[in-house]
Amino acid sequence: MARLLSRFEPNLRALRPQLGQDFDATGAKAERLLGWRPRPIERTLADTADSLLAHGVLRGG
């Protein structure tokens, strides 16, 4: 679908060469060079929900 739409939508045209490619991104370099450790997904999701509630984006209940 994206390939078809890219023929008509100029904003998508630049993405056409990347369609179908597999990009494998990791944090390995940040871990190696900076000593960075990713946060557990459970903690990240809980913190995101807390922030959304605190800013009134979501309502608890």
PDB file of N, CA and C in Angstrom:
ATOM      1  N   MET A   1       0.823  -1.178   0.000  1.00  0.00           N
ATOM      2  CA  MET A   1       0.000   0.000   0.000  1.00  0.00           C
ATOM      3  C   MET A   1       0.876   1.254   0.000  1.00  0.00           C
ATOM      4  N   ALA A   2       1.902   1.258   0.845  1.00  0.00           N
ATOM      5  CA  ALA A   2       2.790   2.425   0.918  1.00  0.00           C
ATOM      6  C   ALA A   2       3.500   2.650  -0.408  1.00  0.00           C
ATOM      7  N   ARG A   3       3.887   1.567  -1.061  1.00  0.00           N
ATOM      8  CA  ARG A   3       4.560   1.686  -2.352  1.00  0.00           C
ATOM      9  C   ARG A   3       3.634   2.345  -3.382  1.00  0.00           C
ATOM     10  N   LEU A   4       2.373   1.936  -3.400  1.00  0.00           N
ATOM     11  CA  LEU A   4       1.391   2.504  -4.325  1.00  0.00           C
ATOM     12  C   LEU A   4       1.151   3.980  -4.012  1.00  0.00           C
ATOM     13  N   LEU A   5       0.923   4.283  -2.741  1.00  0.00           N
ATOM     14  CA  LEU A   5       0.665   5.669  -2.352  1.00  0.00           C
ATOM     15  C   LEU A   5       1.856   6.581  -2.624  1.00  0.00           C
ATOM     16  N   SER A   6       3.061   6.030  -2.557  1.00  0.00           N
ATOM     17  CA  SER A   6       4.246   6.854  -2.782  1.00  0.00           C
ATOM     18  C   SER A   6       4.327   7.352  -4.219  1.00  0.00           C
ATOM     19  N   ARG A   7       3.603   6.736  -5.118  1.00  0.00           N
ATOM     20  CA  ARG A   7       3.577   7.215  -6.513  1.00  0.00           C
ATOM     21  C   ARG A   7       2.814   8.527  -6.635  1.00  0.00           C
ATOM     22  N   PHE A   8       1.885   8.772  -5.711  1.00  0.00           N
ATOM     23  CA  PHE A   8       1.023   9.941  -5.795  1.00  0.00           C
ATOM     24  C   PHE A   8       1.276  10.971  -4.695  1.00  0.00           C
ATOM     25  N   GLU A   9       1.873  10.540  -3.602  1.00  0.00           N
ATOM     26  CA  GLU A   9       2.081  11.425  -2.456  1.00  0.00           C
ATOM     27  C   GLU A   9       3.567  11.792  -2.345  1.00  0.00           C
ATOM     28  N   PRO A  10       3.906  13.041  -2.635  1.00  0.00           N
ATOM     29  CA  PRO A  10       5.314  13.451  -2.617  1.00  0.00           C
ATOM     30  C   PRO A  10       6.015  13.203  -1.281  1.00  0.00           C
ATOM     31  N   ASN A  11       5.300  13.325  -0.163  1.00  0.00           N
ATOM     32  CA  ASN A  11       5.927  13.112   1.145  1.00  0.00           C
ATOM     33  C   ASN A  11       6.360  11.669   1.348  1.00  0.00           C
ATOM     34  N   LEU A  12       5.728  10.737   0.668  1.00  0.00           N
ATOM     35  CA  LEU A  12       6.084   9.322   0.796  1.00  0.00           C
ATOM     36  C   LEU A  12       7.135   8.887  -0.214  1.00  0.00           C
ATOM     37  N   ARG A  13       7.328   9.676  -1.248  1.00  0.00           N
ATOM     38  CA  ARG A  13       8.247   9.306  -2.325  1.00  0.00           C
ATOM     39  C   ARG A  13       9.657   9.049  -1.812  1.00  0.00           C
ATOM     40  N   ALA A  14      10.120   9.845  -0.874  1.00  0.00           N
ATOM     41  CA  ALA A  14      11.481   9.698  -0.351  1.00  0.00           C
ATOM     42  C   ALA A  14      11.658   8.390   0.413  1.00  0.00           C
ATOM     43  N   LEU A  15      10.572   7.816   0.902  1.00  0.00           N
ATOM     44  CA  LEU A  15      10.661   6.571   1.670  1.00  0.00           C
ATOM     45  C   LEU A  15      10.695   5.330   0.785  1.00  0.00           C
ATOM     46  N   ARG A  16      10.338   5.466  -0.474  1.00  0.00           N
ATOM     47  CA  ARG A  16      10.216   4.304  -1.363  1.00  0.00           C
ATOM     48  C   ARG A  16      11.460   3.404  -1.371  1.00  0.00           C
ATOM     49  N   PRO A  17      12.690   3.935  -1.433  1.00  0.00           N
ATOM     50  CA  PRO A  17      13.864   3.045  -1.443  1.00  0.00           C
ATOM     51  C   PRO A  17      14.014   2.206  -0.174  1.00  0.00           C
ATOM     52  N   GLN A  18      13.426   2.655   0.926  1.00  0.00           N
ATOM     53  CA  GLN A  18      13.564   1.934   2.196  1.00  0.00           C
ATOM     54  C   GLN A  18      12.491   0.881   2.411  1.00  0.00           C
ATOM     55  N   LEU A  19      11.440   0.906   1.619  1.00  0.00           N
ATOM     56  CA  LEU A  19      10.340  -0.048   1.796  1.00  0.00           C
ATOM     57  C   LEU A  19      10.838  -1.470   1.574  1.00  0.00           C
ATOM     58  N   GLY A  20      10.459  -2.353   2.471  1.00  0.00           N
ATOM     59  CA  GLY A  20      10.845  -3.757   2.363  1.00  0.00           C
ATOM     60  C   GLY A  20      12.194  -4.082   2.971  1.00  0.00           C
ATOM     61  N   GLN A  21      12.940  -3.079   3.421  1.00  0.00           N
ATOM     62  CA  GLN A  21      14.235  -3.334   4.044  1.00  0.00           C
ATOM     63  C   GLN A  21      14.050  -3.597   5.526  1.00  0.00           C
ATOM     64  N   ASP A  22      14.920  -4.412   6.068  1.00  0.00           N
ATOM     65  CA  ASP A  22      14.877  -4.743   7.486  1.00  0.00           C
ATOM     66  C   ASP A  22      15.954  -3.946   8.202  1.00  0.00           C
ATOM     67  N   PHE A  23      15.535  -3.056   9.084  1.00  0.00           N
ATOM     68  CA  PHE A  23      16.473  -2.254   9.852  1.00  0.00           C
ATOM     69  C   PHE A  23      16.529  -2.805  11.269  1.00  0.00           C
ATOM     70  N   ASP A  24      17.677  -3.285  11.655  1.00  0.00           N
ATOM     71  CA  ASP A  24      17.860  -3.892  12.964  1.00  0.00           C
ATOM     72  C   ASP A  24      18.618  -2.917  13.859  1.00  0.00           C
ATOM     73  N   ALA A  25      17.892  -2.153  14.644  1.00  0.00           N
ATOM     74  CA  ALA A  25      18.510  -1.168  15.519  1.00  0.00           C
ATOM     75  C   ALA A  25      18.540  -1.689  16.950  1.00  0.00           C
ATOM     76  N   THR A  26      19.648  -1.481  17.597  1.00  0.00           N
ATOM     77  CA  THR A  26      19.778  -1.886  18.991  1.00  0.00           C
ATOM     78  C   THR A  26      20.446  -0.760  19.778  1.00  0.00           C
ATOM     79  N   GLY A  27      20.473  -0.921  21.070  1.00  0.00           N
ATOM     80  CA  GLY A  27      21.158   0.034  21.929  1.00  0.00           C
ATOM     81  C   GLY A  27      22.553  -0.434  22.295  1.00  0.00           C
ATOM     82  N   ALA A  28      23.082  -1.401  21.555  1.00  0.00           N
ATOM     83  CA  ALA A  28      24.374  -1.998  21.898  1.00  0.00           C
ATOM     84  C   ALA A  28      25.501  -0.968  21.957  1.00  0.00           C
ATOM     85  N   LYS A  29      25.533  -0.044  21.017  1.00  0.00           N
ATOM     86  CA  LYS A  29      26.609   0.954  21.010  1.00  0.00           C
ATOM     87  C   LYS A  29      26.502   1.872  22.221  1.00  0.00           C
ATOM     88  N   ALA A  30      25.299   2.295  22.571  1.00  0.00           N
ATOM     89  CA  ALA A  30      25.114   3.142  23.757  1.00  0.00           C
ATOM     90  C   ALA A  30      25.499   2.380  25.020  1.00  0.00           C
ATOM     91  N   GLU A  31      25.162   1.100  25.058  1.00  0.00           N
ATOM     92  CA  GLU A  31      25.552   0.293  26.218  1.00  0.00           C
ATOM     93  C   GLU A  31      27.066   0.188  26.313  1.00  0.00           C
ATOM     94  N   ARG A  32      27.704  -0.065  25.187  1.00  0.00           N
ATOM     95  CA  ARG A  32      29.148  -0.270  25.163  1.00  0.00           C
ATOM     96  C   ARG A  32      29.910   1.024  25.462  1.00  0.00           C
ATOM     97  N   LEU A  33      29.529   2.114  24.807  1.00  0.00           N
ATOM     98  CA  LEU A  33      30.296   3.352  24.946  1.00  0.00           C
ATOM     99  C   LEU A  33      29.914   4.183  26.163  1.00  0.00           C
ATOM    100  N   LEU A  34      28.660   4.152  26.531  1.00  0.00           N
ATOM    101  CA  LEU A  34      28.180   5.039  27.589  1.00  0.00           C
ATOM    102  C   LEU A  34      27.809   4.331  28.882  1.00  0.00           C
ATOM    103  N   GLY A  35      27.783   2.993  28.838  1.00  0.00           N
ATOM    104  CA  GLY A  35      27.362   2.249  30.011  1.00  0.00           C
ATOM    105  C   GLY A  35      25.863   2.333  30.245  1.00  0.00           C
ATOM    106  N   TRP A  36      25.131   2.739  29.220  1.00  0.00           N
ATOM    107  CA  TRP A  36      23.680   2.896  29.296  1.00  0.00           C
ATOM    108  C   TRP A  36      22.998   1.535  29.376  1.00  0.00           C
ATOM    109  N   ARG A  37      21.959   1.464  30.163  1.00  0.00           N
ATOM    110  CA  ARG A  37      21.154   0.246  30.266  1.00  0.00           C
ATOM    111  C   ARG A  37      19.701   0.613  29.997  1.00  0.00           C
ATOM    112  N   PRO A  38      19.040  -0.105  29.113  1.00  0.00           N
ATOM    113  CA  PRO A  38      17.629   0.206  28.837  1.00  0.00           C
ATOM    114  C   PRO A  38      16.767  -0.086  30.054  1.00  0.00           C
ATOM    115  N   ARG A  39      15.687   0.676  30.175  1.00  0.00           N
ATOM    116  CA  ARG A  39      14.741   0.454  31.265  1.00  0.00           C
ATOM    117  C   ARG A  39      13.847  -0.720  30.920  1.00  0.00           C
ATOM    118  N   PRO A  40      13.416  -1.471  31.905  1.00  0.00           N
ATOM    119  CA  PRO A  40      12.476  -2.567  31.634  1.00  0.00           C
ATOM    120  C   PRO A  40      11.179  -2.012  31.036  1.00  0.00           C
ATOM    121  N   ILE A  41      10.614  -2.696  30.074  1.00  0.00           N
ATOM    122  CA  ILE A  41       9.411  -2.237  29.389  1.00  0.00           C
ATOM    123  C   ILE A  41       8.255  -2.039  30.373  1.00  0.00           C
ATOM    124  N   GLU A  42       8.156  -2.883  31.374  1.00  0.00           N
ATOM    125  CA  GLU A  42       7.080  -2.764  32.349  1.00  0.00           C
ATOM    126  C   GLU A  42       7.158  -1.420  33.088  1.00  0.00           C
ATOM    127  N   ARG A  43       8.374  -1.041  33.473  1.00  0.00           N
ATOM    128  CA  ARG A  43       8.573   0.232  34.188  1.00  0.00           C
ATOM    129  C   ARG A  43       8.286   1.406  33.256  1.00  0.00           C
ATOM    130  N   THR A  44       8.718   1.294  32.010  1.00  0.00           N
ATOM    131  CA  THR A  44       8.500   2.355  31.026  1.00  0.00           C
ATOM    132  C   THR A  44       7.010   2.579  30.792  1.00  0.00           C
ATOM    133  N   LEU A  45       6.257   1.499  30.618  1.00  0.00           N
ATOM    134  CA  LEU A  45       4.816   1.614  30.390  1.00  0.00           C
ATOM    135  C   LEU A  45       4.102   2.193  31.608  1.00  0.00           C
ATOM    136  N   ALA A  46       4.484   1.747  32.798  1.00  0.00           N
ATOM    137  CA  ALA A  46       3.862   2.257  34.015  1.00  0.00           C
ATOM    138  C   ALA A  46       4.150   3.751  34.178  1.00  0.00           C
ATOM    139  N   ASP A  47       5.388   4.168  33.930  1.00  0.00           N
ATOM    140  CA  ASP A  47       5.743   5.580  34.044  1.00  0.00           C
ATOM    141  C   ASP A  47       5.005   6.427  33.003  1.00  0.00           C
ATOM    142  N   THR A  48       4.848   5.893  31.804  1.00  0.00           N
ATOM    143  CA  THR A  48       4.108   6.611  30.759  1.00  0.00           C
ATOM    144  C   THR A  48       2.660   6.796  31.169  1.00  0.00           C
ATOM    145  N   ALA A  49       2.032   5.744  31.682  1.00  0.00           N
ATOM    146  CA  ALA A  49       0.640   5.835  32.126  1.00  0.00           C
ATOM    147  C   ALA A  49       0.512   6.837  33.265  1.00  0.00           C
ATOM    148  N   ASP A  50       1.434   6.809  34.221  1.00  0.00           N
ATOM    149  CA  ASP A  50       1.410   7.764  35.329  1.00  0.00           C
ATOM    150  C   ASP A  50       1.507   9.200  34.820  1.00  0.00           C
ATOM    151  N   SER A  51       2.373   9.430  33.851  1.00  0.00           N
ATOM    152  CA  SER A  51       2.545  10.768  33.295  1.00  0.00           C
ATOM    153  C   SER A  51       1.287  11.232  32.563  1.00  0.00           C
ATOM    154  N   LEU A  52       0.677  10.342  31.782  1.00  0.00           N
ATOM    155  CA  LEU A  52      -0.550  10.694  31.066  1.00  0.00           C
ATOM    156  C   LEU A  52      -1.673  11.031  32.043  1.00  0.00           C
ATOM    157  N   LEU A  53      -1.774  10.268  33.117  1.00  0.00           N
ATOM    158  CA  LEU A  53      -2.775  10.557  34.144  1.00  0.00           C
ATOM    159  C   LEU A  53      -2.500  11.896  34.815  1.00  0.00           C
ATOM    160  N   ALA A  54      -1.240  12.142  35.151  1.00  0.00           N
ATOM    161  CA  ALA A  54      -0.857  13.375  35.846  1.00  0.00           C
ATOM    162  C   ALA A  54      -1.127  14.621  34.994  1.00  0.00           C
ATOM    163  N   HIS A  55      -1.045  14.458  33.683  1.00  0.00           N
ATOM    164  CA  HIS A  55      -1.256  15.600  32.781  1.00  0.00           C
ATOM    165  C   HIS A  55      -2.668  15.662  32.227  1.00  0.00           C
ATOM    166  N   GLY A  56      -3.550  14.813  32.738  1.00  0.00           N
ATOM    167  CA  GLY A  56      -4.942  14.862  32.347  1.00  0.00           C
ATOM    168  C   GLY A  56      -5.243  14.307  30.972  1.00  0.00           C
ATOM    169  N   VAL A  57      -4.305  13.608  30.378  1.00  0.00           N
ATOM    170  CA  VAL A  57      -4.529  13.025  29.059  1.00  0.00           C
ATOM    171  C   VAL A  57      -5.428  11.801  29.190  1.00  0.00           C
ATOM    172  N   LEU A  58      -5.230  11.065  30.266  1.00  0.00           N
ATOM    173  CA  LEU A  58      -6.070   9.895  30.582  1.00  0.00           C
ATOM    174  C   LEU A  58      -6.752  10.137  31.921  1.00  0.00           C
ATOM    175  N   ARG A  59      -7.833   9.463  32.116  1.00  0.00           N
ATOM    176  CA  ARG A  59      -8.517   9.531  33.414  1.00  0.00           C
ATOM    177  C   ARG A  59      -8.482   8.165  34.062  1.00  0.00           C
ATOM    178  N   GLY A  60      -8.132   8.115  35.300  1.00  0.00           N
ATOM    179  CA  GLY A  60      -8.122   6.848  36.027  1.00  0.00           C
ATOM    180  C   GLY A  60      -9.533   6.364  36.282  1.00  0.00           C
ATOM    181  N   GLY A  61      -9.642   5.080  36.513  1.00  0.00           N
ATOM    182  CA  GLY A  61     -10.971   4.653  36.863  1.00  0.00           C
ATOM    183  C   GLY A  61     -11.313   3.367  36.303  1.00  0.00           C
TER     184      GLY A  61
END
